């Protein structure tokens, strides 16, 4: 999947809002549309930005800079132990990493607590 997807609200087949739901967190979604009435719904579906047509060059540059910062800050992948924990909770796998997961009820659990 690409890092960034540009969508219009009105597209053949699925709408841009429907596609944003399908894409989820798989890519940064930017809407480029003439439909200003869908902005709130777009952001509720995780839009990184919402550009109105005709797009101004400075506004597009702001969006590109914002996307570059987001992409640079995004982790390259989930830590190995987190991936194992997700698989364990889904019932698909149990590993050493999941046997070391410590949880507390009623107070914060930090790294020092989990290695006692």
PDB file of N, CA and C in Angstrom:
ATOM      1  N   UNK A   1       0.851  -1.177   0.000  1.00  0.00           N
ATOM      2  CA  UNK A   1       0.000   0.000   0.000  1.00  0.00           C
ATOM      3  C   UNK A   1       0.898   1.241   0.000  1.00  0.00           C
ATOM      4  N   UNK A   2       0.493   2.297  -0.702  1.00  0.00           N
ATOM      5  CA  UNK A   2       1.292   3.524  -0.715  1.00  0.00           C
ATOM      6  C   UNK A   2       1.238   4.240   0.635  1.00  0.00           C
ATOM      7  N   UNK A   3       2.160   5.159   0.860  1.00  0.00           N
ATOM      8  CA  UNK A   3       2.153   5.951   2.097  1.00  0.00           C
ATOM      9  C   UNK A   3       1.008   6.951   2.118  1.00  0.00           C
ATOM     10  N   UNK A   4       0.657   7.506   0.955  1.00  0.00           N
ATOM     11  CA  UNK A   4      -0.352   8.565   0.846  1.00  0.00           C
ATOM     12  C   UNK A   4      -1.334   8.220  -0.265  1.00  0.00           C
ATOM     13  N   UNK A   5      -2.622   8.482   0.000  1.00  0.00           N
ATOM     14  CA  UNK A   5      -3.663   8.283  -1.003  1.00  0.00           C
ATOM     15  C   UNK A   5      -4.477   9.573  -1.088  1.00  0.00           C
ATOM     16  N   UNK A   6      -4.630  10.093  -2.306  1.00  0.00           N
ATOM     17  CA  UNK A   6      -5.465  11.264  -2.549  1.00  0.00           C
ATOM     18  C   UNK A   6      -6.796  10.779  -3.113  1.00  0.00           C
ATOM     19  N   UNK A   7      -7.895  11.193  -2.481  1.00  0.00           N
ATOM     20  CA  UNK A   7      -9.228  10.755  -2.884  1.00  0.00           C
ATOM     21  C   UNK A   7     -10.151  11.947  -3.078  1.00  0.00           C
ATOM     22  N   UNK A   8     -11.111  11.779  -3.957  1.00  0.00           N
ATOM     23  CA  UNK A   8     -12.212  12.735  -4.080  1.00  0.00           C
ATOM     24  C   UNK A   8     -13.381  12.147  -3.293  1.00  0.00           C
ATOM     25  N   UNK A   9     -14.342  12.953  -2.931  1.00  0.00           N
ATOM     26  CA  UNK A   9     -15.534  12.430  -2.258  1.00  0.00           C
ATOM     27  C   UNK A   9     -16.355  11.619  -3.257  1.00  0.00           C
ATOM     28  N   UNK A  10     -16.615  12.207  -4.413  1.00  0.00           N
ATOM     29  CA  UNK A  10     -17.413  11.535  -5.440  1.00  0.00           C
ATOM     30  C   UNK A  10     -16.485  10.846  -6.424  1.00  0.00           C
ATOM     31  N   UNK A  11     -16.551   9.526  -6.413  1.00  0.00           N
ATOM     32  CA  UNK A  11     -15.727   8.717  -7.318  1.00  0.00           C
ATOM     33  C   UNK A  11     -16.604   7.598  -7.865  1.00  0.00           C
ATOM     34  N   UNK A  12     -16.226   7.016  -8.989  1.00  0.00           N
ATOM     35  CA  UNK A  12     -17.007   5.884  -9.500  1.00  0.00           C
ATOM     36  C   UNK A  12     -16.884   4.692  -8.546  1.00  0.00           C
ATOM     37  N   UNK A  13     -17.943   3.966  -8.379  1.00  0.00           N
ATOM     38  CA  UNK A  13     -17.917   2.832  -7.452  1.00  0.00           C
ATOM     39  C   UNK A  13     -18.115   3.326  -6.032  1.00  0.00           C
ATOM     40  N   UNK A  14     -17.127   3.098  -5.190  1.00  0.00           N
ATOM     41  CA  UNK A  14     -17.209   3.545  -3.800  1.00  0.00           C
ATOM     42  C   UNK A  14     -16.883   5.029  -3.689  1.00  0.00           C
ATOM     43  N   UNK A  15     -17.482   5.677  -2.706  1.00  0.00           N
ATOM     44  CA  UNK A  15     -17.151   7.085  -2.464  1.00  0.00           C
ATOM     45  C   UNK A  15     -15.782   7.168  -1.803  1.00  0.00           C
ATOM     46  N   UNK A  16     -15.200   8.346  -1.813  1.00  0.00           N
ATOM     47  CA  UNK A  16     -13.921   8.547  -1.134  1.00  0.00           C
ATOM     48  C   UNK A  16     -14.018   8.236   0.352  1.00  0.00           C
ATOM     49  N   UNK A  17     -15.147   8.557   0.967  1.00  0.00           N
ATOM     50  CA  UNK A  17     -15.329   8.253   2.395  1.00  0.00           C
ATOM     51  C   UNK A  17     -15.341   6.747   2.626  1.00  0.00           C
ATOM     52  N   UNK A  18     -15.997   6.005   1.757  1.00  0.00           N
ATOM     53  CA  UNK A  18     -16.008   4.544   1.885  1.00  0.00           C
ATOM     54  C   UNK A  18     -14.604   3.978   1.687  1.00  0.00           C
ATOM     55  N   UNK A  19     -13.865   4.522   0.738  1.00  0.00           N
ATOM     56  CA  UNK A  19     -12.498   4.054   0.501  1.00  0.00           C
ATOM     57  C   UNK A  19     -11.596   4.365   1.700  1.00  0.00           C
ATOM     58  N   UNK A  20     -11.807   5.509   2.347  1.00  0.00           N
ATOM     59  CA  UNK A  20     -11.005   5.862   3.520  1.00  0.00           C
ATOM     60  C   UNK A  20     -11.196   4.839   4.633  1.00  0.00           C
ATOM     61  N   UNK A  21     -12.410   4.345   4.783  1.00  0.00           N
ATOM     62  CA  UNK A  21     -12.673   3.307   5.787  1.00  0.00           C
ATOM     63  C   UNK A  21     -11.924   2.030   5.428  1.00  0.00           C
ATOM     64  N   UNK A  22     -11.944   1.663   4.153  1.00  0.00           N
ATOM     65  CA  UNK A  22     -11.240   0.459   3.702  1.00  0.00           C
ATOM     66  C   UNK A  22      -9.734   0.604   3.915  1.00  0.00           C
ATOM     67  N   UNK A  23      -9.193   1.768   3.603  1.00  0.00           N
ATOM     68  CA  UNK A  23      -7.754   2.015   3.738  1.00  0.00           C
ATOM     69  C   UNK A  23      -7.347   2.045   5.198  1.00  0.00           C
ATOM     70  N   UNK A  24      -8.201   2.597   6.059  1.00  0.00           N
ATOM     71  CA  UNK A  24      -7.915   2.652   7.494  1.00  0.00           C
ATOM     72  C   UNK A  24      -6.591   3.331   7.780  1.00  0.00           C
ATOM     73  N   UNK A  25      -5.762   2.691   8.611  1.00  0.00           N
ATOM     74  CA  UNK A  25      -4.458   3.233   8.974  1.00  0.00           C
ATOM     75  C   UNK A  25      -3.359   2.775   8.008  1.00  0.00           C
ATOM     76  N   UNK A  26      -3.745   2.140   6.913  1.00  0.00           N
ATOM     77  CA  UNK A  26      -2.764   1.627   5.969  1.00  0.00           C
ATOM     78  C   UNK A  26      -2.030   2.703   5.196  1.00  0.00           C
ATOM     79  N   UNK A  27      -2.618   3.895   5.097  1.00  0.00           N
ATOM     80  CA  UNK A  27      -1.993   5.002   4.372  1.00  0.00           C
ATOM     81  C   UNK A  27      -2.587   6.308   4.888  1.00  0.00           C
ATOM     82  N   UNK A  28      -1.887   7.385   4.652  1.00  0.00           N
ATOM     83  CA  UNK A  28      -2.404   8.713   4.979  1.00  0.00           C
ATOM     84  C   UNK A  28      -3.358   9.110   3.859  1.00  0.00           C
ATOM     85  N   UNK A  29      -4.583   9.468   4.223  1.00  0.00           N
ATOM     86  CA  UNK A  29      -5.594   9.813   3.226  1.00  0.00           C
ATOM     87  C   UNK A  29      -5.785  11.324   3.193  1.00  0.00           C
ATOM     88  N   UNK A  30      -5.715  11.885   1.984  1.00  0.00           N
ATOM     89  CA  UNK A  30      -5.984  13.300   1.765  1.00  0.00           C
ATOM     90  C   UNK A  30      -7.138  13.392   0.787  1.00  0.00           C
ATOM     91  N   UNK A  31      -8.161  14.155   1.158  1.00  0.00           N
ATOM     92  CA  UNK A  31      -9.278  14.379   0.258  1.00  0.00           C
ATOM     93  C   UNK A  31      -9.026  15.645  -0.547  1.00  0.00           C
ATOM     94  N   UNK A  32      -9.245  15.554  -1.843  1.00  0.00           N
ATOM     95  CA  UNK A  32      -9.154  16.694  -2.759  1.00  0.00           C
ATOM     96  C   UNK A  32     -10.503  16.741  -3.467  1.00  0.00           C
ATOM     97  N   UNK A  33     -11.332  17.716  -3.090  1.00  0.00           N
ATOM     98  CA  UNK A  33     -12.717  17.690  -3.550  1.00  0.00           C
ATOM     99  C   UNK A  33     -13.315  19.089  -3.581  1.00  0.00           C
ATOM    100  N   UNK A  34     -14.412  19.223  -4.286  1.00  0.00           N
ATOM    101  CA  UNK A  34     -15.171  20.470  -4.310  1.00  0.00           C
ATOM    102  C   UNK A  34     -16.281  20.447  -3.265  1.00  0.00           C
ATOM    103  N   UNK A  35     -16.422  19.347  -2.543  1.00  0.00           N
ATOM    104  CA  UNK A  35     -17.530  19.139  -1.597  1.00  0.00           C
ATOM    105  C   UNK A  35     -17.106  19.496  -0.174  1.00  0.00           C
ATOM    106  N   UNK A  36     -17.307  20.731   0.236  1.00  0.00           N
ATOM    107  CA  UNK A  36     -16.877  21.122   1.571  1.00  0.00           C
ATOM    108  C   UNK A  36     -17.751  20.547   2.676  1.00  0.00           C
ATOM    109  N   UNK A  37     -18.944  20.087   2.350  1.00  0.00           N
ATOM    110  CA  UNK A  37     -19.863  19.590   3.381  1.00  0.00           C
ATOM    111  C   UNK A  37     -19.469  18.234   3.972  1.00  0.00           C
ATOM    112  N   UNK A  38     -18.447  17.579   3.430  1.00  0.00           N
ATOM    113  CA  UNK A  38     -18.051  16.256   3.922  1.00  0.00           C
ATOM    114  C   UNK A  38     -16.764  16.291   4.757  1.00  0.00           C
ATOM    115  N   UNK A  39     -16.266  17.463   5.071  1.00  0.00           N
ATOM    116  CA  UNK A  39     -14.988  17.585   5.775  1.00  0.00           C
ATOM    117  C   UNK A  39     -15.013  16.892   7.140  1.00  0.00           C
ATOM    118  N   UNK A  40     -16.056  17.100   7.913  1.00  0.00           N
ATOM    119  CA  UNK A  40     -16.120  16.491   9.252  1.00  0.00           C
ATOM    120  C   UNK A  40     -16.118  14.970   9.138  1.00  0.00           C
ATOM    121  N   UNK A  41     -16.903  14.425   8.228  1.00  0.00           N
ATOM    122  CA  UNK A  41     -16.932  12.974   8.036  1.00  0.00           C
ATOM    123  C   UNK A  41     -15.563  12.461   7.594  1.00  0.00           C
ATOM    124  N   UNK A  42     -14.883  13.221   6.758  1.00  0.00           N
ATOM    125  CA  UNK A  42     -13.557  12.804   6.290  1.00  0.00           C
ATOM    126  C   UNK A  42     -12.579  12.705   7.456  1.00  0.00           C
ATOM    127  N   UNK A  43     -12.562  13.706   8.323  1.00  0.00           N
ATOM    128  CA  UNK A  43     -11.652  13.667   9.466  1.00  0.00           C
ATOM    129  C   UNK A  43     -12.054  12.584  10.462  1.00  0.00           C
ATOM    130  N   UNK A  44     -13.321  12.308  10.592  1.00  0.00           N
ATOM    131  CA  UNK A  44     -13.762  11.197  11.461  1.00  0.00           C
ATOM    132  C   UNK A  44     -13.272   9.856  10.916  1.00  0.00           C
ATOM    133  N   UNK A  45     -13.060   9.798   9.609  1.00  0.00           N
ATOM    134  CA  UNK A  45     -12.548   8.572   8.975  1.00  0.00           C
ATOM    135  C   UNK A  45     -11.037   8.588   8.848  1.00  0.00           C
ATOM    136  N   UNK A  46     -10.376   9.491   9.567  1.00  0.00           N
ATOM    137  CA  UNK A  46      -8.923   9.476   9.637  1.00  0.00           C
ATOM    138  C   UNK A  46      -8.179  10.267   8.579  1.00  0.00           C
ATOM    139  N   UNK A  47      -8.856  11.196   7.900  1.00  0.00           N
ATOM    140  CA  UNK A  47      -8.175  11.984   6.869  1.00  0.00           C
ATOM    141  C   UNK A  47      -7.007  12.772   7.448  1.00  0.00           C
ATOM    142  N   UNK A  48      -5.912  12.791   6.711  1.00  0.00           N
ATOM    143  CA  UNK A  48      -4.757  13.597   7.102  1.00  0.00           C
ATOM    144  C   UNK A  48      -4.994  15.056   6.741  1.00  0.00           C
ATOM    145  N   UNK A  49      -5.759  15.297   5.680  1.00  0.00           N
ATOM    146  CA  UNK A  49      -6.072  16.658   5.266  1.00  0.00           C
ATOM    147  C   UNK A  49      -7.264  16.631   4.320  1.00  0.00           C
ATOM    148  N   UNK A  50      -7.794  17.827   4.055  1.00  0.00           N
ATOM    149  CA  UNK A  50      -8.986  17.982   3.220  1.00  0.00           C
ATOM    150  C   UNK A  50      -8.789  19.241   2.396  1.00  0.00           C
ATOM    151  N   UNK A  51      -8.527  19.079   1.106  1.00  0.00           N
ATOM    152  CA  UNK A  51      -8.258  20.206   0.217  1.00  0.00           C
ATOM    153  C   UNK A  51      -9.468  20.469  -0.667  1.00  0.00           C
ATOM    154  N   UNK A  52      -9.818  21.740  -0.784  1.00  0.00           N
ATOM    155  CA  UNK A  52     -10.937  22.108  -1.645  1.00  0.00           C
ATOM    156  C   UNK A  52     -10.447  22.526  -3.017  1.00  0.00           C
ATOM    157  N   UNK A  53     -11.157  22.058  -4.050  1.00  0.00           N
ATOM    158  CA  UNK A  53     -10.853  22.435  -5.429  1.00  0.00           C
ATOM    159  C   UNK A  53     -11.435  23.815  -5.694  1.00  0.00           C
ATOM    160  N   UNK A  54     -10.789  24.630  -6.465  1.00  0.00           N
ATOM    161  CA  UNK A  54      -9.460  24.431  -7.043  1.00  0.00           C
ATOM    162  C   UNK A  54      -8.402  24.587  -5.951  1.00  0.00           C
ATOM    163  N   UNK A  55      -7.442  23.682  -5.948  1.00  0.00           N
ATOM    164  CA  UNK A  55      -6.415  23.647  -4.905  1.00  0.00           C
ATOM    165  C   UNK A  55      -5.382  24.746  -5.152  1.00  0.00           C
ATOM    166  N   UNK A  56      -5.108  25.503  -4.088  1.00  0.00           N
ATOM    167  CA  UNK A  56      -4.077  26.535  -4.166  1.00  0.00           C
ATOM    168  C   UNK A  56      -2.712  25.882  -3.933  1.00  0.00           C
ATOM    169  N   UNK A  57      -1.714  26.337  -4.661  1.00  0.00           N
ATOM    170  CA  UNK A  57      -0.381  25.745  -4.587  1.00  0.00           C
ATOM    171  C   UNK A  57       0.170  25.795  -3.164  1.00  0.00           C
ATOM    172  N   UNK A  58       0.033  26.926  -2.478  1.00  0.00           N
ATOM    173  CA  UNK A  58       0.557  27.032  -1.103  1.00  0.00           C
ATOM    174  C   UNK A  58      -0.135  26.051  -0.165  1.00  0.00           C
ATOM    175  N   UNK A  59      -1.427  25.876  -0.351  1.00  0.00           N
ATOM    176  CA  UNK A  59      -2.175  24.930   0.496  1.00  0.00           C
ATOM    177  C   UNK A  59      -1.711  23.504   0.236  1.00  0.00           C
ATOM    178  N   UNK A  60      -1.463  23.151  -0.999  1.00  0.00           N
ATOM    179  CA  UNK A  60      -0.957  21.823  -1.333  1.00  0.00           C
ATOM    180  C   UNK A  60       0.440  21.617  -0.753  1.00  0.00           C
ATOM    181  N   UNK A  61       1.271  22.647  -0.799  1.00  0.00           N
ATOM    182  CA  UNK A  61       2.614  22.550  -0.216  1.00  0.00           C
ATOM    183  C   UNK A  61       2.540  22.300   1.292  1.00  0.00           C
ATOM    184  N   UNK A  62       1.602  22.965   1.981  1.00  0.00           N
ATOM    185  CA  UNK A  62       1.401  22.725   3.422  1.00  0.00           C
ATOM    186  C   UNK A  62       1.044  21.265   3.673  1.00  0.00           C
ATOM    187  N   UNK A  63       0.162  20.739   2.853  1.00  0.00           N
ATOM    188  CA  UNK A  63      -0.270  19.352   3.004  1.00  0.00           C
ATOM    189  C   UNK A  63       0.903  18.394   2.798  1.00  0.00           C
ATOM    190  N   UNK A  64       1.691  18.634   1.767  1.00  0.00           N
ATOM    191  CA  UNK A  64       2.842  17.775   1.494  1.00  0.00           C
ATOM    192  C   UNK A  64       3.837  17.827   2.647  1.00  0.00           C
ATOM    193  N   UNK A  65       4.092  19.006   3.199  1.00  0.00           N
ATOM    194  CA  UNK A  65       5.010  19.121   4.339  1.00  0.00           C
ATOM    195  C   UNK A  65       4.462  18.378   5.560  1.00  0.00           C
ATOM    196  N   UNK A  66       3.169  18.500   5.803  1.00  0.00           N
ATOM    197  CA  UNK A  66       2.537  17.787   6.924  1.00  0.00           C
ATOM    198  C   UNK A  66       2.668  16.275   6.735  1.00  0.00           C
ATOM    199  N   UNK A  67       2.432  15.813   5.515  1.00  0.00           N
ATOM    200  CA  UNK A  67       2.553  14.382   5.227  1.00  0.00           C
ATOM    201  C   UNK A  67       3.989  13.899   5.397  1.00  0.00           C
ATOM    202  N   UNK A  68       4.949  14.682   4.959  1.00  0.00           N
ATOM    203  CA  UNK A  68       6.351  14.300   5.116  1.00  0.00           C
ATOM    204  C   UNK A  68       6.709  14.157   6.593  1.00  0.00           C
ATOM    205  N   UNK A  69       6.212  15.062   7.435  1.00  0.00           N
ATOM    206  CA  UNK A  69       6.470  14.952   8.881  1.00  0.00           C
ATOM    207  C   UNK A  69       5.818  13.697   9.455  1.00  0.00           C
ATOM    208  N   UNK A  70       4.569  13.446   9.071  1.00  0.00           N
ATOM    209  CA  UNK A  70       3.865  12.258   9.568  1.00  0.00           C
ATOM    210  C   UNK A  70       4.577  10.971   9.168  1.00  0.00           C
ATOM    211  N   UNK A  71       4.994  10.910   7.917  1.00  0.00           N
ATOM    212  CA  UNK A  71       5.660   9.702   7.422  1.00  0.00           C
ATOM    213  C   UNK A  71       6.998   9.507   8.125  1.00  0.00           C
ATOM    214  N   UNK A  72       7.726  10.590   8.355  1.00  0.00           N
ATOM    215  CA  UNK A  72       9.021  10.503   9.038  1.00  0.00           C
ATOM    216  C   UNK A  72       8.857  10.049  10.485  1.00  0.00           C
ATOM    217  N   UNK A  73       7.742  10.390  11.112  1.00  0.00           N
ATOM    218  CA  UNK A  73       7.509  10.041  12.517  1.00  0.00           C
ATOM    219  C   UNK A  73       6.881   8.674  12.692  1.00  0.00           C
ATOM    220  N   UNK A  74       6.346   8.101  11.620  1.00  0.00           N
ATOM    221  CA  UNK A  74       5.650   6.819  11.733  1.00  0.00           C
ATOM    222  C   UNK A  74       6.651   5.702  11.987  1.00  0.00           C
ATOM    223  N   UNK A  75       6.388   4.858  12.976  1.00  0.00           N
ATOM    224  CA  UNK A  75       7.271   3.713  13.204  1.00  0.00           C
ATOM    225  C   UNK A  75       7.298   2.808  11.973  1.00  0.00           C
ATOM    226  N   UNK A  76       8.437   2.178  11.760  1.00  0.00           N
ATOM    227  CA  UNK A  76       8.570   1.301  10.591  1.00  0.00           C
ATOM    228  C   UNK A  76       7.840  -0.020  10.780  1.00  0.00           C
ATOM    229  N   UNK A  77       7.556  -0.388  11.983  1.00  0.00           N
ATOM    230  CA  UNK A  77       6.837  -1.627  12.233  1.00  0.00           C
ATOM    231  C   UNK A  77       6.584  -1.783  13.722  1.00  0.00           C
ATOM    232  N   UNK A  78       5.669  -2.630  14.057  1.00  0.00           N
ATOM    233  CA  UNK A  78       5.362  -2.863  15.461  1.00  0.00           C
ATOM    234  C   UNK A  78       6.502  -3.638  16.117  1.00  0.00           C
ATOM    235  N   UNK A  79       6.795  -3.332  17.374  1.00  0.00           N
ATOM    236  CA  UNK A  79       7.826  -4.111  18.064  1.00  0.00           C
ATOM    237  C   UNK A  79       7.455  -5.585  18.071  1.00  0.00           C
ATOM    238  N   UNK A  80       8.455  -6.438  18.057  1.00  0.00           N
ATOM    239  CA  UNK A  80       8.244  -7.887  17.979  1.00  0.00           C
ATOM    240  C   UNK A  80       7.317  -8.384  19.086  1.00  0.00           C
ATOM    241  N   UNK A  81       7.531  -7.898  20.332  1.00  0.00           N
ATOM    242  CA  UNK A  81       6.702  -8.378  21.434  1.00  0.00           C
ATOM    243  C   UNK A  81       5.256  -7.905  21.300  1.00  0.00           C
ATOM    244  N   UNK A  82       5.015  -6.715  20.724  1.00  0.00           N
ATOM    245  CA  UNK A  82       3.657  -6.240  20.521  1.00  0.00           C
ATOM    246  C   UNK A  82       2.957  -7.089  19.459  1.00  0.00           C
ATOM    247  N   UNK A  83       3.661  -7.396  18.394  1.00  0.00           N
ATOM    248  CA  UNK A  83       3.104  -8.258  17.357  1.00  0.00           C
ATOM    249  C   UNK A  83       2.733  -9.614  17.939  1.00  0.00           C
ATOM    250  N   UNK A  84       3.599 -10.167  18.758  1.00  0.00           N
ATOM    251  CA  UNK A  84       3.317 -11.462  19.387  1.00  0.00           C
ATOM    252  C   UNK A  84       2.107 -11.363  20.307  1.00  0.00           C
ATOM    253  N   UNK A  85       1.996 -10.264  21.053  1.00  0.00           N
ATOM    254  CA  UNK A  85       0.876 -10.103  21.972  1.00  0.00           C
ATOM    255  C   UNK A  85      -0.439 -10.026  21.192  1.00  0.00           C
ATOM    256  N   UNK A  86      -0.445  -9.303  20.090  1.00  0.00           N
ATOM    257  CA  UNK A  86      -1.653  -9.198  19.278  1.00  0.00           C
ATOM    258  C   UNK A  86      -2.050 -10.571  18.746  1.00  0.00           C
ATOM    259  N   UNK A  87      -1.084 -11.334  18.256  1.00  0.00           N
ATOM    260  CA  UNK A  87      -1.381 -12.678  17.753  1.00  0.00           C
ATOM    261  C   UNK A  87      -1.905 -13.567  18.880  1.00  0.00           C
ATOM    262  N   UNK A  88      -1.330 -13.430  20.072  1.00  0.00           N
ATOM    263  CA  UNK A  88      -1.772 -14.242  21.203  1.00  0.00           C
ATOM    264  C   UNK A  88      -3.212 -13.904  21.578  1.00  0.00           C
ATOM    265  N   UNK A  89      -3.528 -12.592  21.662  1.00  0.00           N
ATOM    266  CA  UNK A  89      -4.885 -12.212  22.049  1.00  0.00           C
ATOM    267  C   UNK A  89      -5.895 -12.600  20.986  1.00  0.00           C
ATOM    268  N   UNK A  90      -5.435 -12.725  19.747  1.00  0.00           N
ATOM    269  CA  UNK A  90      -6.321 -13.181  18.675  1.00  0.00           C
ATOM    270  C   UNK A  90      -6.452 -14.696  18.688  1.00  0.00           C
ATOM    271  N   UNK A  91      -5.659 -15.364  19.555  1.00  0.00           N
ATOM    272  CA  UNK A  91      -5.728 -16.811  19.654  1.00  0.00           C
ATOM    273  C   UNK A  91      -4.957 -17.544  18.580  1.00  0.00           C
ATOM    274  N   UNK A  92      -4.046 -16.840  17.895  1.00  0.00           N
ATOM    275  CA  UNK A  92      -3.336 -17.492  16.798  1.00  0.00           C
ATOM    276  C   UNK A  92      -1.942 -17.949  17.171  1.00  0.00           C
ATOM    277  N   UNK A  93      -1.383 -17.442  18.264  1.00  0.00           N
ATOM    278  CA  UNK A  93      -0.007 -17.797  18.569  1.00  0.00           C
ATOM    279  C   UNK A  93       0.303 -17.468  20.027  1.00  0.00           C
ATOM    280  N   UNK A  94       1.131 -18.288  20.649  1.00  0.00           N
ATOM    281  CA  UNK A  94       1.634 -17.981  21.989  1.00  0.00           C
ATOM    282  C   UNK A  94       3.145 -18.150  21.939  1.00  0.00           C
ATOM    283  N   UNK A  95       3.849 -17.123  22.400  1.00  0.00           N
ATOM    284  CA  UNK A  95       5.307 -17.135  22.360  1.00  0.00           C
ATOM    285  C   UNK A  95       5.851 -16.703  23.714  1.00  0.00           C
ATOM    286  N   UNK A  96       7.196 -16.748  23.842  1.00  0.00           N
ATOM    287  CA  UNK A  96       7.825 -16.257  25.059  1.00  0.00           C
ATOM    288  C   UNK A  96       7.470 -14.816  25.327  1.00  0.00           C
ATOM    289  N   UNK A  97       7.414 -14.000  24.292  1.00  0.00           N
ATOM    290  CA  UNK A  97       7.119 -12.577  24.470  1.00  0.00           C
ATOM    291  C   UNK A  97       5.782 -12.375  25.162  1.00  0.00           C
ATOM    292  N   UNK A  98       4.773 -13.186  24.834  1.00  0.00           N
ATOM    293  CA  UNK A  98       3.470 -13.004  25.456  1.00  0.00           C
ATOM    294  C   UNK A  98       3.459 -13.520  26.879  1.00  0.00           C
ATOM    295  N   UNK A  99       4.312 -14.453  27.213  1.00  0.00           N
ATOM    296  CA  UNK A  99       4.334 -14.943  28.584  1.00  0.00           C
ATOM    297  C   UNK A  99       4.958 -13.926  29.533  1.00  0.00           C
ATOM    298  N   UNK A 100       5.676 -12.935  28.991  1.00  0.00           N
ATOM    299  CA  UNK A 100       6.297 -11.902  29.812  1.00  0.00           C
ATOM    300  C   UNK A 100       5.447 -10.649  29.950  1.00  0.00           C
ATOM    301  N   UNK A 101       4.300 -10.588  29.282  1.00  0.00           N
ATOM    302  CA  UNK A 101       3.462  -9.402  29.350  1.00  0.00           C
ATOM    303  C   UNK A 101       2.846  -9.322  30.733  1.00  0.00           C
ATOM    304  N   UNK A 102       3.017  -8.187  31.387  1.00  0.00           N
ATOM    305  CA  UNK A 102       2.527  -7.971  32.737  1.00  0.00           C
ATOM    306  C   UNK A 102       1.475  -6.879  32.692  1.00  0.00           C
ATOM    307  N   UNK A 103       0.406  -7.034  33.413  1.00  0.00           N
ATOM    308  CA  UNK A 103      -0.605  -5.983  33.455  1.00  0.00           C
ATOM    309  C   UNK A 103      -1.002  -5.731  34.893  1.00  0.00           C
ATOM    310  N   UNK A 104      -1.446  -4.543  35.133  1.00  0.00           N
ATOM    311  CA  UNK A 104      -1.878  -4.134  36.465  1.00  0.00           C
ATOM    312  C   UNK A 104      -3.262  -3.526  36.348  1.00  0.00           C
ATOM    313  N   UNK A 105      -4.057  -3.677  37.381  1.00  0.00           N
ATOM    314  CA  UNK A 105      -5.367  -3.053  37.430  1.00  0.00           C
ATOM    315  C   UNK A 105      -5.308  -1.966  38.487  1.00  0.00           C
ATOM    316  N   UNK A 106      -5.720  -0.765  38.102  1.00  0.00           N
ATOM    317  CA  UNK A 106      -5.814   0.318  39.071  1.00  0.00           C
ATOM    318  C   UNK A 106      -4.597   1.215  39.163  1.00  0.00           C
ATOM    319  N   UNK A 107      -3.522   0.895  38.491  1.00  0.00           N
ATOM    320  CA  UNK A 107      -2.371   1.796  38.475  1.00  0.00           C
ATOM    321  C   UNK A 107      -1.586   1.566  37.196  1.00  0.00           C
ATOM    322  N   UNK A 108      -0.706   2.504  36.918  1.00  0.00           N
ATOM    323  CA  UNK A 108       0.076   2.411  35.687  1.00  0.00           C
ATOM    324  C   UNK A 108       1.131   1.327  35.814  1.00  0.00           C
ATOM    325  N   UNK A 109       1.344   0.595  34.753  1.00  0.00           N
ATOM    326  CA  UNK A 109       2.369  -0.433  34.685  1.00  0.00           C
ATOM    327  C   UNK A 109       3.478   0.089  33.793  1.00  0.00           C
ATOM    328  N   UNK A 110       4.680   0.247  34.336  1.00  0.00           N
ATOM    329  CA  UNK A 110       5.768   0.724  33.485  1.00  0.00           C
ATOM    330  C   UNK A 110       6.782  -0.382  33.272  1.00  0.00           C
ATOM    331  N   UNK A 111       7.825  -0.080  32.522  1.00  0.00           N
ATOM    332  CA  UNK A 111       8.820  -1.096  32.156  1.00  0.00           C
ATOM    333  C   UNK A 111       9.459  -1.725  33.387  1.00  0.00           C
ATOM    334  N   UNK A 112       9.714  -0.928  34.425  1.00  0.00           N
ATOM    335  CA  UNK A 112      10.353  -1.464  35.629  1.00  0.00           C
ATOM    336  C   UNK A 112       9.444  -2.487  36.317  1.00  0.00           C
ATOM    337  N   UNK A 113       8.138  -2.214  36.352  1.00  0.00           N
ATOM    338  CA  UNK A 113       7.185  -3.141  36.954  1.00  0.00           C
ATOM    339  C   UNK A 113       7.147  -4.471  36.218  1.00  0.00           C
ATOM    340  N   UNK A 114       7.241  -4.437  34.907  1.00  0.00           N
ATOM    341  CA  UNK A 114       7.029  -5.650  34.136  1.00  0.00           C
ATOM    342  C   UNK A 114       8.218  -6.606  34.209  1.00  0.00           C
ATOM    343  N   UNK A 115       9.345  -6.177  34.742  1.00  0.00           N
ATOM    344  CA  UNK A 115      10.510  -7.056  34.814  1.00  0.00           C
ATOM    345  C   UNK A 115      10.803  -7.530  36.226  1.00  0.00           C
ATOM    346  N   UNK A 116       9.839  -7.415  37.123  1.00  0.00           N
ATOM    347  CA  UNK A 116      10.025  -7.897  38.497  1.00  0.00           C
ATOM    348  C   UNK A 116       9.822  -9.374  38.600  1.00  0.00           C
TER     349      UNK A 116
END
